[in-house]
Amino acid sequence: MSSHLRPIERRIVGLRQAGQSVEEIARRLKRSPAHVERIITWTQLPHHRRVRSGPSPLSRRVLALRAAGASYEEIAVKFRRSPAHIKRVEGMAYLAKGIELLG
C-alpha cells in the first residue's frame, strides 16, 4: 500500500487485497458499494505530490520585503492580510529555512 493514501483508503485497499467483496467492505465501513468502488478507483490513479523544500513563494516574498525594510503593516496591505498574519508567515518561513538547512 502507498503512504500517500488516507486511512480510509488504506483500509479499503487492504480489505480488497485480502479478498473481501466490495459489498462486504461497504457493509463493514457503513458506506455504499458505489462509494467503496470510487475510492478503489481513486487509489489506482497516479498521484503527483509536490515535494516542498524550503519556504513557500509567499514566505520568500515576505522575507524579502522584511529584509528590504518593509513593516508588517506595509506588507499586510500588499497581500490583503493582517499584520499578525504576516508575522506568522515570517515565523513559519524562518522555521522552513531552518529545517531546510538541517535536512
N, C-alpha and C. Protein backbone atom coordinates (compact mmCIF):
# COMPACT_ATOMS: atom_id res chain seq x y z
N MET A 1 0.84 -1.18 0.00
CA MET A 1 0.00 0.00 0.00
C MET A 1 0.88 1.24 0.00
N SER A 2 0.33 2.29 -0.52
CA SER A 2 1.11 3.52 -0.64
C SER A 2 0.92 4.42 0.56
N SER A 3 1.95 5.15 0.88
CA SER A 3 1.91 6.04 2.03
C SER A 3 1.09 7.30 1.76
N HIS A 4 0.79 7.57 0.48
CA HIS A 4 0.04 8.78 0.16
C HIS A 4 -1.46 8.63 0.39
N LEU A 5 -1.91 7.43 0.73
CA LEU A 5 -3.33 7.19 0.93
C LEU A 5 -3.78 7.60 2.32
N ARG A 6 -5.03 8.04 2.40
CA ARG A 6 -5.63 8.37 3.68
C ARG A 6 -5.99 7.07 4.40
N PRO A 7 -6.23 7.13 5.71
CA PRO A 7 -6.52 5.90 6.46
C PRO A 7 -7.69 5.09 5.89
N ILE A 8 -8.79 5.74 5.52
CA ILE A 8 -9.94 5.02 4.99
C ILE A 8 -9.58 4.34 3.67
N GLU A 9 -8.76 5.02 2.85
CA GLU A 9 -8.34 4.44 1.58
C GLU A 9 -7.44 3.23 1.82
N ARG A 10 -6.52 3.34 2.78
CA ARG A 10 -5.65 2.20 3.09
C ARG A 10 -6.46 1.01 3.59
N ARG A 11 -7.47 1.29 4.40
CA ARG A 11 -8.28 0.21 4.94
C ARG A 11 -9.08 -0.48 3.83
N ILE A 12 -9.67 0.31 2.95
CA ILE A 12 -10.45 -0.27 1.86
C ILE A 12 -9.56 -1.10 0.93
N VAL A 13 -8.41 -0.55 0.57
CA VAL A 13 -7.49 -1.28 -0.31
C VAL A 13 -7.00 -2.55 0.38
N GLY A 14 -6.71 -2.47 1.65
CA GLY A 14 -6.26 -3.65 2.39
C GLY A 14 -7.32 -4.74 2.44
N LEU A 15 -8.56 -4.34 2.70
CA LEU A 15 -9.65 -5.32 2.73
C LEU A 15 -9.87 -5.93 1.35
N ARG A 16 -9.76 -5.11 0.33
CA ARG A 16 -9.95 -5.61 -1.04
C ARG A 16 -8.83 -6.60 -1.41
N GLN A 17 -7.61 -6.28 -1.02
CA GLN A 17 -6.48 -7.18 -1.30
C GLN A 17 -6.59 -8.48 -0.50
N ALA A 18 -7.28 -8.40 0.63
CA ALA A 18 -7.50 -9.60 1.45
C ALA A 18 -8.62 -10.47 0.89
N GLY A 19 -9.24 -10.03 -0.20
CA GLY A 19 -10.25 -10.85 -0.85
C GLY A 19 -11.69 -10.51 -0.52
N GLN A 20 -11.90 -9.45 0.25
CA GLN A 20 -13.26 -9.05 0.59
C GLN A 20 -13.97 -8.47 -0.64
N SER A 21 -15.26 -8.70 -0.75
CA SER A 21 -16.03 -8.13 -1.86
C SER A 21 -16.33 -6.66 -1.56
N VAL A 22 -16.67 -5.93 -2.60
CA VAL A 22 -17.00 -4.50 -2.44
C VAL A 22 -18.21 -4.35 -1.52
N GLU A 23 -19.18 -5.23 -1.67
CA GLU A 23 -20.38 -5.16 -0.84
C GLU A 23 -20.06 -5.40 0.64
N GLU A 24 -19.18 -6.37 0.91
CA GLU A 24 -18.78 -6.67 2.29
C GLU A 24 -18.02 -5.50 2.90
N ILE A 25 -17.12 -4.90 2.12
CA ILE A 25 -16.36 -3.73 2.61
C ILE A 25 -17.32 -2.59 2.92
N ALA A 26 -18.26 -2.35 2.01
CA ALA A 26 -19.24 -1.27 2.20
C ALA A 26 -20.06 -1.51 3.47
N ARG A 27 -20.47 -2.73 3.68
CA ARG A 27 -21.26 -3.06 4.87
C ARG A 27 -20.45 -2.84 6.14
N ARG A 28 -19.19 -3.31 6.14
CA ARG A 28 -18.34 -3.18 7.32
C ARG A 28 -18.02 -1.74 7.65
N LEU A 29 -17.84 -0.89 6.63
CA LEU A 29 -17.46 0.50 6.85
C LEU A 29 -18.64 1.46 6.82
N LYS A 30 -19.85 0.89 6.66
CA LYS A 30 -21.08 1.69 6.63
C LYS A 30 -21.02 2.76 5.54
N ARG A 31 -20.61 2.31 4.36
CA ARG A 31 -20.57 3.15 3.17
C ARG A 31 -21.34 2.43 2.07
N SER A 32 -21.69 3.14 1.01
CA SER A 32 -22.36 2.49 -0.10
C SER A 32 -21.34 1.75 -0.96
N PRO A 33 -21.76 0.69 -1.64
CA PRO A 33 -20.84 -0.01 -2.54
C PRO A 33 -20.27 0.92 -3.62
N ALA A 34 -21.09 1.85 -4.10
CA ALA A 34 -20.61 2.80 -5.12
C ALA A 34 -19.48 3.66 -4.56
N HIS A 35 -19.61 4.06 -3.29
CA HIS A 35 -18.57 4.87 -2.65
C HIS A 35 -17.26 4.07 -2.53
N VAL A 36 -17.37 2.83 -2.12
CA VAL A 36 -16.19 1.98 -1.99
C VAL A 36 -15.53 1.78 -3.35
N GLU A 37 -16.32 1.56 -4.38
CA GLU A 37 -15.76 1.40 -5.73
C GLU A 37 -15.04 2.67 -6.19
N ARG A 38 -15.62 3.85 -5.88
CA ARG A 38 -14.96 5.11 -6.24
C ARG A 38 -13.62 5.24 -5.54
N ILE A 39 -13.57 4.91 -4.27
CA ILE A 39 -12.31 5.01 -3.52
C ILE A 39 -11.27 4.05 -4.11
N ILE A 40 -11.68 2.84 -4.44
CA ILE A 40 -10.75 1.88 -5.04
C ILE A 40 -10.22 2.44 -6.36
N THR A 41 -11.10 3.03 -7.16
CA THR A 41 -10.68 3.63 -8.43
C THR A 41 -9.71 4.78 -8.19
N TRP A 42 -10.02 5.65 -7.22
CA TRP A 42 -9.15 6.81 -6.94
C TRP A 42 -7.77 6.38 -6.49
N THR A 43 -7.71 5.30 -5.73
CA THR A 43 -6.40 4.87 -5.23
C THR A 43 -5.51 4.34 -6.35
N GLN A 44 -6.10 3.99 -7.48
CA GLN A 44 -5.33 3.47 -8.59
C GLN A 44 -4.84 4.58 -9.53
N LEU A 45 -5.33 5.81 -9.33
CA LEU A 45 -4.89 6.93 -10.15
C LEU A 45 -3.48 7.35 -9.72
N PRO A 46 -2.67 7.81 -10.67
CA PRO A 46 -1.33 8.27 -10.28
C PRO A 46 -1.42 9.55 -9.45
N HIS A 47 -0.60 9.62 -8.44
CA HIS A 47 -0.57 10.79 -7.56
C HIS A 47 0.75 11.51 -7.77
N HIS A 48 0.65 12.78 -8.04
CA HIS A 48 1.85 13.59 -8.20
C HIS A 48 1.91 14.55 -7.04
N ARG A 49 2.64 14.17 -6.03
CA ARG A 49 2.76 15.02 -4.85
C ARG A 49 3.98 15.90 -5.00
N ARG A 50 3.75 17.17 -4.81
CA ARG A 50 4.85 18.12 -4.88
C ARG A 50 5.62 18.03 -3.59
N VAL A 51 6.91 17.89 -3.71
CA VAL A 51 7.76 17.85 -2.53
C VAL A 51 8.21 19.28 -2.24
N ARG A 52 7.75 19.78 -1.13
CA ARG A 52 8.08 21.16 -0.78
C ARG A 52 9.44 21.18 -0.10
N SER A 53 10.28 22.04 -0.59
CA SER A 53 11.56 22.23 0.08
C SER A 53 11.74 23.72 0.32
N GLY A 54 11.88 24.06 1.58
CA GLY A 54 12.07 25.45 1.93
C GLY A 54 10.77 26.22 2.00
N PRO A 55 10.89 27.53 2.17
CA PRO A 55 9.70 28.38 2.31
C PRO A 55 8.87 28.45 1.03
N SER A 56 7.58 28.72 1.21
CA SER A 56 6.67 28.87 0.08
C SER A 56 6.96 30.19 -0.65
N PRO A 57 6.41 30.38 -1.84
CA PRO A 57 6.62 31.64 -2.55
C PRO A 57 6.19 32.86 -1.74
N LEU A 58 5.04 32.76 -1.05
CA LEU A 58 4.58 33.88 -0.22
C LEU A 58 5.59 34.15 0.90
N SER A 59 6.05 33.10 1.54
CA SER A 59 7.01 33.27 2.63
C SER A 59 8.31 33.90 2.13
N ARG A 60 8.78 33.45 0.98
CA ARG A 60 10.01 34.05 0.42
C ARG A 60 9.81 35.52 0.12
N ARG A 61 8.64 35.88 -0.38
CA ARG A 61 8.36 37.29 -0.69
C ARG A 61 8.30 38.12 0.59
N VAL A 62 7.65 37.58 1.62
CA VAL A 62 7.58 38.29 2.90
C VAL A 62 8.98 38.48 3.47
N LEU A 63 9.81 37.44 3.42
CA LEU A 63 11.18 37.57 3.93
C LEU A 63 11.96 38.63 3.14
N ALA A 64 11.78 38.66 1.83
CA ALA A 64 12.49 39.64 1.01
C ALA A 64 12.03 41.06 1.33
N LEU A 65 10.74 41.25 1.50
CA LEU A 65 10.22 42.58 1.84
C LEU A 65 10.68 43.02 3.23
N ARG A 66 10.69 42.08 4.18
CA ARG A 66 11.17 42.42 5.52
C ARG A 66 12.65 42.77 5.49
N ALA A 67 13.43 42.04 4.68
CA ALA A 67 14.87 42.33 4.57
C ALA A 67 15.10 43.68 3.92
N ALA A 68 14.16 44.10 3.07
CA ALA A 68 14.27 45.41 2.42
C ALA A 68 13.79 46.54 3.32
N GLY A 69 13.29 46.18 4.51
CA GLY A 69 12.91 47.20 5.48
C GLY A 69 11.42 47.49 5.55
N ALA A 70 10.59 46.75 4.86
CA ALA A 70 9.15 46.99 4.90
C ALA A 70 8.58 46.54 6.25
N SER A 71 7.61 47.30 6.73
CA SER A 71 6.98 46.97 8.01
C SER A 71 5.91 45.90 7.79
N TYR A 72 5.47 45.30 8.88
CA TYR A 72 4.41 44.31 8.79
C TYR A 72 3.14 44.92 8.21
N GLU A 73 2.85 46.16 8.58
CA GLU A 73 1.66 46.84 8.10
C GLU A 73 1.72 47.07 6.59
N GLU A 74 2.87 47.47 6.08
CA GLU A 74 3.01 47.69 4.63
C GLU A 74 2.84 46.38 3.86
N ILE A 75 3.43 45.33 4.36
CA ILE A 75 3.32 44.03 3.69
C ILE A 75 1.89 43.52 3.77
N ALA A 76 1.24 43.73 4.91
CA ALA A 76 -0.13 43.27 5.10
C ALA A 76 -1.06 43.91 4.08
N VAL A 77 -0.89 45.19 3.83
CA VAL A 77 -1.71 45.88 2.83
C VAL A 77 -1.47 45.27 1.45
N LYS A 78 -0.23 45.01 1.13
CA LYS A 78 0.13 44.46 -0.18
C LYS A 78 -0.53 43.10 -0.44
N PHE A 79 -0.60 42.26 0.61
CA PHE A 79 -1.16 40.92 0.45
C PHE A 79 -2.59 40.80 0.98
N ARG A 80 -3.18 41.91 1.40
CA ARG A 80 -4.55 41.93 1.93
C ARG A 80 -4.72 40.96 3.10
N ARG A 81 -3.78 41.01 4.00
CA ARG A 81 -3.80 40.19 5.21
C ARG A 81 -3.52 41.10 6.40
N SER A 82 -3.69 40.56 7.60
CA SER A 82 -3.42 41.35 8.79
C SER A 82 -1.92 41.35 9.08
N PRO A 83 -1.43 42.37 9.79
CA PRO A 83 -0.02 42.36 10.19
C PRO A 83 0.33 41.12 11.03
N ALA A 84 -0.60 40.66 11.85
CA ALA A 84 -0.35 39.45 12.66
C ALA A 84 -0.15 38.23 11.75
N HIS A 85 -0.92 38.16 10.67
CA HIS A 85 -0.76 37.04 9.72
C HIS A 85 0.62 37.10 9.08
N ILE A 86 1.06 38.27 8.71
CA ILE A 86 2.38 38.43 8.08
C ILE A 86 3.48 38.01 9.06
N LYS A 87 3.31 38.34 10.33
CA LYS A 87 4.29 37.91 11.34
C LYS A 87 4.35 36.39 11.42
N ARG A 88 3.18 35.74 11.39
CA ARG A 88 3.14 34.28 11.43
C ARG A 88 3.80 33.68 10.20
N VAL A 89 3.53 34.27 9.03
CA VAL A 89 4.14 33.78 7.79
C VAL A 89 5.65 33.91 7.87
N GLU A 90 6.12 35.04 8.39
CA GLU A 90 7.56 35.24 8.53
C GLU A 90 8.16 34.19 9.47
N GLY A 91 7.49 33.93 10.58
CA GLY A 91 7.98 32.93 11.53
C GLY A 91 8.04 31.54 10.91
N MET A 92 7.00 31.16 10.18
CA MET A 92 6.99 29.86 9.53
C MET A 92 8.05 29.79 8.43
N ALA A 93 8.32 30.91 7.77
CA ALA A 93 9.36 30.93 6.74
C ALA A 93 10.73 30.67 7.36
N TYR A 94 10.99 31.29 8.50
CA TYR A 94 12.26 31.05 9.18
C TYR A 94 12.37 29.59 9.65
N LEU A 95 11.25 29.05 10.11
CA LEU A 95 11.23 27.65 10.51
C LEU A 95 11.53 26.75 9.31
N ALA A 96 10.89 27.00 8.18
CA ALA A 96 11.11 26.19 6.97
C ALA A 96 12.56 26.30 6.50
N LYS A 97 13.11 27.51 6.57
CA LYS A 97 14.51 27.69 6.17
C LYS A 97 15.44 26.90 7.10
N GLY A 98 15.13 26.92 8.39
CA GLY A 98 15.94 26.17 9.35
C GLY A 98 15.87 24.67 9.11
N ILE A 99 14.69 24.18 8.84
CA ILE A 99 14.53 22.75 8.56
C ILE A 99 15.27 22.39 7.27
N GLU A 100 15.20 23.27 6.28
CA GLU A 100 15.89 23.03 5.01
C GLU A 100 17.41 22.97 5.23
N LEU A 101 17.93 23.85 6.10
CA LEU A 101 19.35 23.85 6.37
C LEU A 101 19.80 22.59 7.12
N LEU A 102 18.94 22.11 8.01
CA LEU A 102 19.27 20.92 8.79
C LEU A 102 19.10 19.62 7.99
N GLY A 103 18.17 19.66 7.03
CA GLY A 103 17.80 18.43 6.36
C GLY A 103 18.58 18.07 5.19
